[in-house]
Amino acid sequence: MIQGFRTASMILLAACIAGPAFAQAPGADVYKAKCAMCHGADGLAATPMGKSMKILSFKDPAMIKASDAQFIASTKNGKNKMPAYAGKLTDAQIKDVVSFIRTLQK
């Protein structure tokens, strides 16, 4: 019985320590649900929709130079054929998505 408790305790401790390593970046789920269809999971816009709408890769120099405020405005208000997400996503979700996009640019 004590051995079983000790084993269970060790498993729980390992899960608590490893948990943050497996945590997904904030914004990743929203990006996957709302953005990846056009921009691609990797942000390269190599999807059929991305190609047909001539979407720039997030690794394009112009996109790298764009400020977070520009990304936030484009997401809230829409840009070209991209729909507006104001009222559909919270400000916090939009900021998290922009932060996630920055990780794709690396």
N, C-alpha and C. Protein backbone atom coordinates (compact mmCIF):
# COMPACT_ATOMS: atom_id res chain seq x y z
N MET A 1 0.82 -1.20 0.00
CA MET A 1 0.00 0.00 0.00
C MET A 1 0.87 1.26 0.00
N ILE A 2 1.87 1.26 0.86
CA ILE A 2 2.75 2.44 0.90
C ILE A 2 3.51 2.57 -0.42
N GLN A 3 3.91 1.45 -0.99
CA GLN A 3 4.63 1.49 -2.28
C GLN A 3 3.73 2.09 -3.36
N GLY A 4 2.46 1.73 -3.38
CA GLY A 4 1.51 2.28 -4.36
C GLY A 4 1.32 3.78 -4.16
N PHE A 5 1.23 4.20 -2.90
CA PHE A 5 1.10 5.63 -2.61
C PHE A 5 2.34 6.38 -3.06
N ARG A 6 3.50 5.80 -2.79
CA ARG A 6 4.76 6.43 -3.17
C ARG A 6 4.85 6.55 -4.70
N THR A 7 4.46 5.51 -5.41
CA THR A 7 4.49 5.53 -6.88
C THR A 7 3.52 6.59 -7.41
N ALA A 8 2.32 6.63 -6.86
CA ALA A 8 1.33 7.62 -7.30
C ALA A 8 1.82 9.03 -7.01
N SER A 9 2.45 9.23 -5.87
CA SER A 9 2.99 10.55 -5.52
C SER A 9 4.07 10.97 -6.50
N MET A 10 4.94 10.04 -6.88
CA MET A 10 6.02 10.35 -7.82
C MET A 10 5.45 10.71 -9.20
N ILE A 11 4.42 9.99 -9.62
CA ILE A 11 3.79 10.27 -10.92
C ILE A 11 3.15 11.65 -10.89
N LEU A 12 2.46 11.98 -9.82
CA LEU A 12 1.82 13.29 -9.68
C LEU A 12 2.86 14.40 -9.67
N LEU A 13 3.96 14.20 -8.95
CA LEU A 13 5.03 15.18 -8.89
C LEU A 13 5.63 15.39 -10.28
N ALA A 14 5.88 14.31 -11.00
CA ALA A 14 6.45 14.40 -12.35
C ALA A 14 5.50 15.14 -13.28
N ALA A 15 4.21 14.89 -13.16
CA ALA A 15 3.23 15.57 -14.01
C ALA A 15 3.19 17.07 -13.71
N CYS A 16 3.31 17.43 -12.45
CA CYS A 16 3.30 18.85 -12.07
C CYS A 16 4.54 19.56 -12.60
N ILE A 17 5.66 18.89 -12.55
CA ILE A 17 6.91 19.48 -13.05
C ILE A 17 6.88 19.57 -14.57
N ALA A 18 6.42 18.53 -15.24
CA ALA A 18 6.43 18.48 -16.71
C ALA A 18 5.27 19.27 -17.31
N GLY A 19 4.22 19.53 -16.55
CA GLY A 19 3.04 20.20 -17.07
C GLY A 19 3.33 21.45 -17.87
N PRO A 20 4.09 22.40 -17.32
CA PRO A 20 4.37 23.62 -18.09
C PRO A 20 5.11 23.36 -19.40
N ALA A 21 5.90 22.31 -19.46
CA ALA A 21 6.62 22.00 -20.70
C ALA A 21 5.66 21.58 -21.80
N PHE A 22 4.53 21.03 -21.41
CA PHE A 22 3.56 20.58 -22.40
C PHE A 22 2.47 21.61 -22.66
N ALA A 23 2.47 22.69 -21.90
CA ALA A 23 1.45 23.72 -22.07
C ALA A 23 1.63 24.38 -23.44
N GLN A 24 0.51 24.66 -24.06
CA GLN A 24 0.54 25.31 -25.37
C GLN A 24 0.62 26.82 -25.19
N ALA A 25 1.30 27.46 -26.09
CA ALA A 25 1.46 28.92 -26.03
C ALA A 25 0.09 29.59 -26.06
N PRO A 26 -0.07 30.67 -25.26
CA PRO A 26 -1.34 31.41 -25.33
C PRO A 26 -1.57 31.89 -26.77
N GLY A 27 -2.78 31.80 -27.21
CA GLY A 27 -3.12 32.23 -28.56
C GLY A 27 -3.06 31.12 -29.59
N ALA A 28 -2.40 30.01 -29.27
CA ALA A 28 -2.24 28.92 -30.24
C ALA A 28 -3.58 28.30 -30.63
N ASP A 29 -4.45 28.09 -29.66
CA ASP A 29 -5.76 27.48 -29.95
C ASP A 29 -6.62 28.40 -30.81
N VAL A 30 -6.62 29.69 -30.47
CA VAL A 30 -7.41 30.65 -31.26
C VAL A 30 -6.83 30.75 -32.67
N TYR A 31 -5.50 30.80 -32.77
CA TYR A 31 -4.85 30.85 -34.09
C TYR A 31 -5.25 29.64 -34.91
N LYS A 32 -5.20 28.47 -34.30
CA LYS A 32 -5.55 27.23 -35.03
C LYS A 32 -7.00 27.28 -35.50
N ALA A 33 -7.89 27.79 -34.67
CA ALA A 33 -9.31 27.81 -34.99
C ALA A 33 -9.69 28.91 -35.99
N LYS A 34 -9.04 30.05 -35.91
CA LYS A 34 -9.49 31.20 -36.69
C LYS A 34 -8.54 31.63 -37.81
N CYS A 35 -7.25 31.31 -37.70
CA CYS A 35 -6.26 31.88 -38.61
C CYS A 35 -5.57 30.87 -39.52
N ALA A 36 -5.36 29.67 -39.00
CA ALA A 36 -4.54 28.68 -39.71
C ALA A 36 -5.12 28.27 -41.07
N MET A 37 -6.43 28.36 -41.23
CA MET A 37 -7.04 27.96 -42.50
C MET A 37 -6.45 28.76 -43.66
N CYS A 38 -6.18 30.01 -43.44
CA CYS A 38 -5.61 30.87 -44.49
C CYS A 38 -4.11 31.07 -44.33
N HIS A 39 -3.69 31.35 -43.10
CA HIS A 39 -2.28 31.68 -42.85
C HIS A 39 -1.40 30.45 -42.69
N GLY A 40 -2.01 29.28 -42.52
CA GLY A 40 -1.25 28.04 -42.35
C GLY A 40 -0.83 27.84 -40.91
N ALA A 41 -0.67 26.59 -40.51
CA ALA A 41 -0.26 26.27 -39.14
C ALA A 41 1.10 26.87 -38.82
N ASP A 42 1.94 27.01 -39.83
CA ASP A 42 3.29 27.54 -39.65
C ASP A 42 3.39 29.04 -39.97
N GLY A 43 2.28 29.66 -40.39
CA GLY A 43 2.27 31.08 -40.69
C GLY A 43 2.84 31.46 -42.04
N LEU A 44 3.15 30.47 -42.87
CA LEU A 44 3.76 30.74 -44.18
C LEU A 44 2.73 31.05 -45.27
N ALA A 45 1.45 30.91 -44.96
CA ALA A 45 0.35 31.18 -45.90
C ALA A 45 0.43 30.31 -47.15
N ALA A 46 0.97 29.12 -47.01
CA ALA A 46 1.10 28.20 -48.15
C ALA A 46 -0.13 27.30 -48.29
N THR A 47 -1.25 27.73 -47.76
CA THR A 47 -2.50 26.98 -47.87
C THR A 47 -3.17 27.34 -49.19
N PRO A 48 -4.10 26.53 -49.67
CA PRO A 48 -4.82 26.90 -50.89
C PRO A 48 -5.48 28.28 -50.78
N MET A 49 -6.09 28.56 -49.64
CA MET A 49 -6.74 29.87 -49.44
C MET A 49 -5.68 30.97 -49.39
N GLY A 50 -4.60 30.73 -48.70
CA GLY A 50 -3.53 31.72 -48.61
C GLY A 50 -2.94 32.04 -49.97
N LYS A 51 -2.75 31.02 -50.77
CA LYS A 51 -2.20 31.23 -52.12
C LYS A 51 -3.19 31.97 -53.01
N SER A 52 -4.47 31.59 -52.95
CA SER A 52 -5.46 32.23 -53.82
C SER A 52 -5.68 33.70 -53.47
N MET A 53 -5.52 34.03 -52.18
CA MET A 53 -5.71 35.42 -51.77
C MET A 53 -4.39 36.18 -51.67
N LYS A 54 -3.30 35.52 -52.05
CA LYS A 54 -1.97 36.14 -52.05
C LYS A 54 -1.61 36.74 -50.69
N ILE A 55 -1.84 35.95 -49.65
CA ILE A 55 -1.52 36.37 -48.29
C ILE A 55 -0.02 36.28 -48.08
N LEU A 56 0.54 37.29 -47.44
CA LEU A 56 1.97 37.27 -47.13
C LEU A 56 2.25 36.30 -45.99
N SER A 57 3.40 35.67 -46.07
CA SER A 57 3.89 34.85 -44.97
C SER A 57 4.19 35.76 -43.79
N PHE A 58 4.00 35.25 -42.58
CA PHE A 58 4.36 36.03 -41.41
C PHE A 58 5.88 36.22 -41.32
N LYS A 59 6.64 35.45 -42.11
CA LYS A 59 8.09 35.61 -42.14
C LYS A 59 8.55 36.62 -43.20
N ASP A 60 7.61 37.16 -43.96
CA ASP A 60 7.94 38.20 -44.93
C ASP A 60 8.47 39.42 -44.16
N PRO A 61 9.52 40.08 -44.67
CA PRO A 61 10.08 41.24 -43.96
C PRO A 61 9.06 42.30 -43.58
N ALA A 62 8.08 42.54 -44.43
CA ALA A 62 7.06 43.54 -44.11
C ALA A 62 6.23 43.11 -42.90
N MET A 63 5.97 41.83 -42.79
CA MET A 63 5.19 41.32 -41.66
C MET A 63 6.02 41.33 -40.38
N ILE A 64 7.29 41.06 -40.51
CA ILE A 64 8.17 41.08 -39.33
C ILE A 64 8.29 42.52 -38.80
N LYS A 65 8.34 43.48 -39.72
CA LYS A 65 8.46 44.89 -39.32
C LYS A 65 7.16 45.45 -38.75
N ALA A 66 6.03 44.85 -39.09
CA ALA A 66 4.73 45.36 -38.62
C ALA A 66 4.69 45.35 -37.10
N SER A 67 4.13 46.39 -36.54
CA SER A 67 4.03 46.49 -35.08
C SER A 67 2.89 45.61 -34.57
N ASP A 68 2.93 45.33 -33.28
CA ASP A 68 1.83 44.60 -32.67
C ASP A 68 0.53 45.37 -32.85
N ALA A 69 0.59 46.70 -32.74
CA ALA A 69 -0.61 47.52 -32.91
C ALA A 69 -1.20 47.35 -34.31
N GLN A 70 -0.34 47.22 -35.33
CA GLN A 70 -0.84 46.99 -36.69
C GLN A 70 -1.51 45.63 -36.80
N PHE A 71 -0.90 44.60 -36.21
CA PHE A 71 -1.52 43.27 -36.23
C PHE A 71 -2.86 43.29 -35.49
N ILE A 72 -2.90 43.97 -34.36
CA ILE A 72 -4.13 44.04 -33.58
C ILE A 72 -5.22 44.76 -34.38
N ALA A 73 -4.87 45.87 -35.01
CA ALA A 73 -5.86 46.62 -35.81
C ALA A 73 -6.36 45.79 -36.98
N SER A 74 -5.47 45.09 -37.66
CA SER A 74 -5.88 44.25 -38.79
C SER A 74 -6.80 43.13 -38.33
N THR A 75 -6.50 42.57 -37.18
CA THR A 75 -7.33 41.48 -36.65
C THR A 75 -8.69 42.00 -36.21
N LYS A 76 -8.71 43.12 -35.54
CA LYS A 76 -9.99 43.69 -35.07
C LYS A 76 -10.86 44.18 -36.23
N ASN A 77 -10.25 44.90 -37.16
CA ASN A 77 -11.00 45.58 -38.21
C ASN A 77 -11.06 44.83 -39.54
N GLY A 78 -10.25 43.81 -39.67
CA GLY A 78 -10.15 43.11 -40.94
C GLY A 78 -9.21 43.88 -41.87
N LYS A 79 -8.76 43.20 -42.90
CA LYS A 79 -7.88 43.85 -43.87
C LYS A 79 -8.00 43.09 -45.18
N ASN A 80 -8.21 43.82 -46.26
CA ASN A 80 -8.45 43.20 -47.57
C ASN A 80 -9.58 42.18 -47.42
N LYS A 81 -9.32 40.92 -47.69
CA LYS A 81 -10.39 39.91 -47.60
C LYS A 81 -10.47 39.25 -46.22
N MET A 82 -9.55 39.63 -45.33
CA MET A 82 -9.58 39.06 -43.98
C MET A 82 -10.74 39.67 -43.20
N PRO A 83 -11.57 38.81 -42.58
CA PRO A 83 -12.71 39.34 -41.82
C PRO A 83 -12.28 40.05 -40.54
N ALA A 84 -13.13 40.90 -40.04
CA ALA A 84 -12.91 41.58 -38.76
C ALA A 84 -13.29 40.63 -37.63
N TYR A 85 -12.48 40.64 -36.58
CA TYR A 85 -12.75 39.78 -35.43
C TYR A 85 -13.15 40.57 -34.19
N ALA A 86 -13.33 41.89 -34.31
CA ALA A 86 -13.84 42.68 -33.19
C ALA A 86 -15.23 42.15 -32.85
N GLY A 87 -15.47 41.90 -31.59
CA GLY A 87 -16.75 41.36 -31.17
C GLY A 87 -16.82 39.84 -31.24
N LYS A 88 -15.90 39.22 -31.98
CA LYS A 88 -15.85 37.76 -32.07
C LYS A 88 -14.75 37.20 -31.17
N LEU A 89 -13.67 37.98 -31.02
CA LEU A 89 -12.58 37.63 -30.13
C LEU A 89 -12.40 38.77 -29.13
N THR A 90 -12.00 38.43 -27.92
CA THR A 90 -11.74 39.47 -26.92
C THR A 90 -10.41 40.14 -27.23
N ASP A 91 -10.19 41.30 -26.63
CA ASP A 91 -8.90 41.97 -26.79
C ASP A 91 -7.76 41.07 -26.32
N ALA A 92 -7.98 40.36 -25.22
CA ALA A 92 -6.95 39.46 -24.69
C ALA A 92 -6.65 38.33 -25.68
N GLN A 93 -7.68 37.78 -26.30
CA GLN A 93 -7.46 36.71 -27.29
C GLN A 93 -6.67 37.24 -28.48
N ILE A 94 -6.99 38.43 -28.93
CA ILE A 94 -6.29 39.03 -30.07
C ILE A 94 -4.83 39.26 -29.72
N LYS A 95 -4.56 39.80 -28.54
CA LYS A 95 -3.17 40.02 -28.12
C LYS A 95 -2.42 38.70 -28.02
N ASP A 96 -3.08 37.65 -27.51
CA ASP A 96 -2.44 36.33 -27.43
C ASP A 96 -2.14 35.78 -28.81
N VAL A 97 -3.04 35.98 -29.77
CA VAL A 97 -2.80 35.52 -31.14
C VAL A 97 -1.61 36.26 -31.74
N VAL A 98 -1.53 37.55 -31.53
CA VAL A 98 -0.40 38.33 -32.04
C VAL A 98 0.90 37.82 -31.42
N SER A 99 0.88 37.55 -30.13
CA SER A 99 2.07 36.98 -29.47
C SER A 99 2.45 35.64 -30.09
N PHE A 100 1.43 34.82 -30.38
CA PHE A 100 1.69 33.52 -30.99
C PHE A 100 2.27 33.69 -32.39
N ILE A 101 1.75 34.64 -33.16
CA ILE A 101 2.27 34.91 -34.50
C ILE A 101 3.76 35.28 -34.41
N ARG A 102 4.12 36.05 -33.40
CA ARG A 102 5.54 36.41 -33.22
C ARG A 102 6.41 35.18 -33.03
N THR A 103 5.87 34.13 -32.39
CA THR A 103 6.67 32.91 -32.23
C THR A 103 6.85 32.21 -33.57
N LEU A 104 5.88 32.35 -34.47
CA LEU A 104 5.99 31.74 -35.81
C LEU A 104 7.02 32.45 -36.67
N GLN A 105 7.32 33.68 -36.33
CA GLN A 105 8.26 34.47 -37.11
C GLN A 105 9.71 34.13 -36.81
N LYS A 106 9.94 33.37 -35.78
CA LYS A 106 11.32 33.03 -35.38
C LYS A 106 11.84 31.85 -36.15
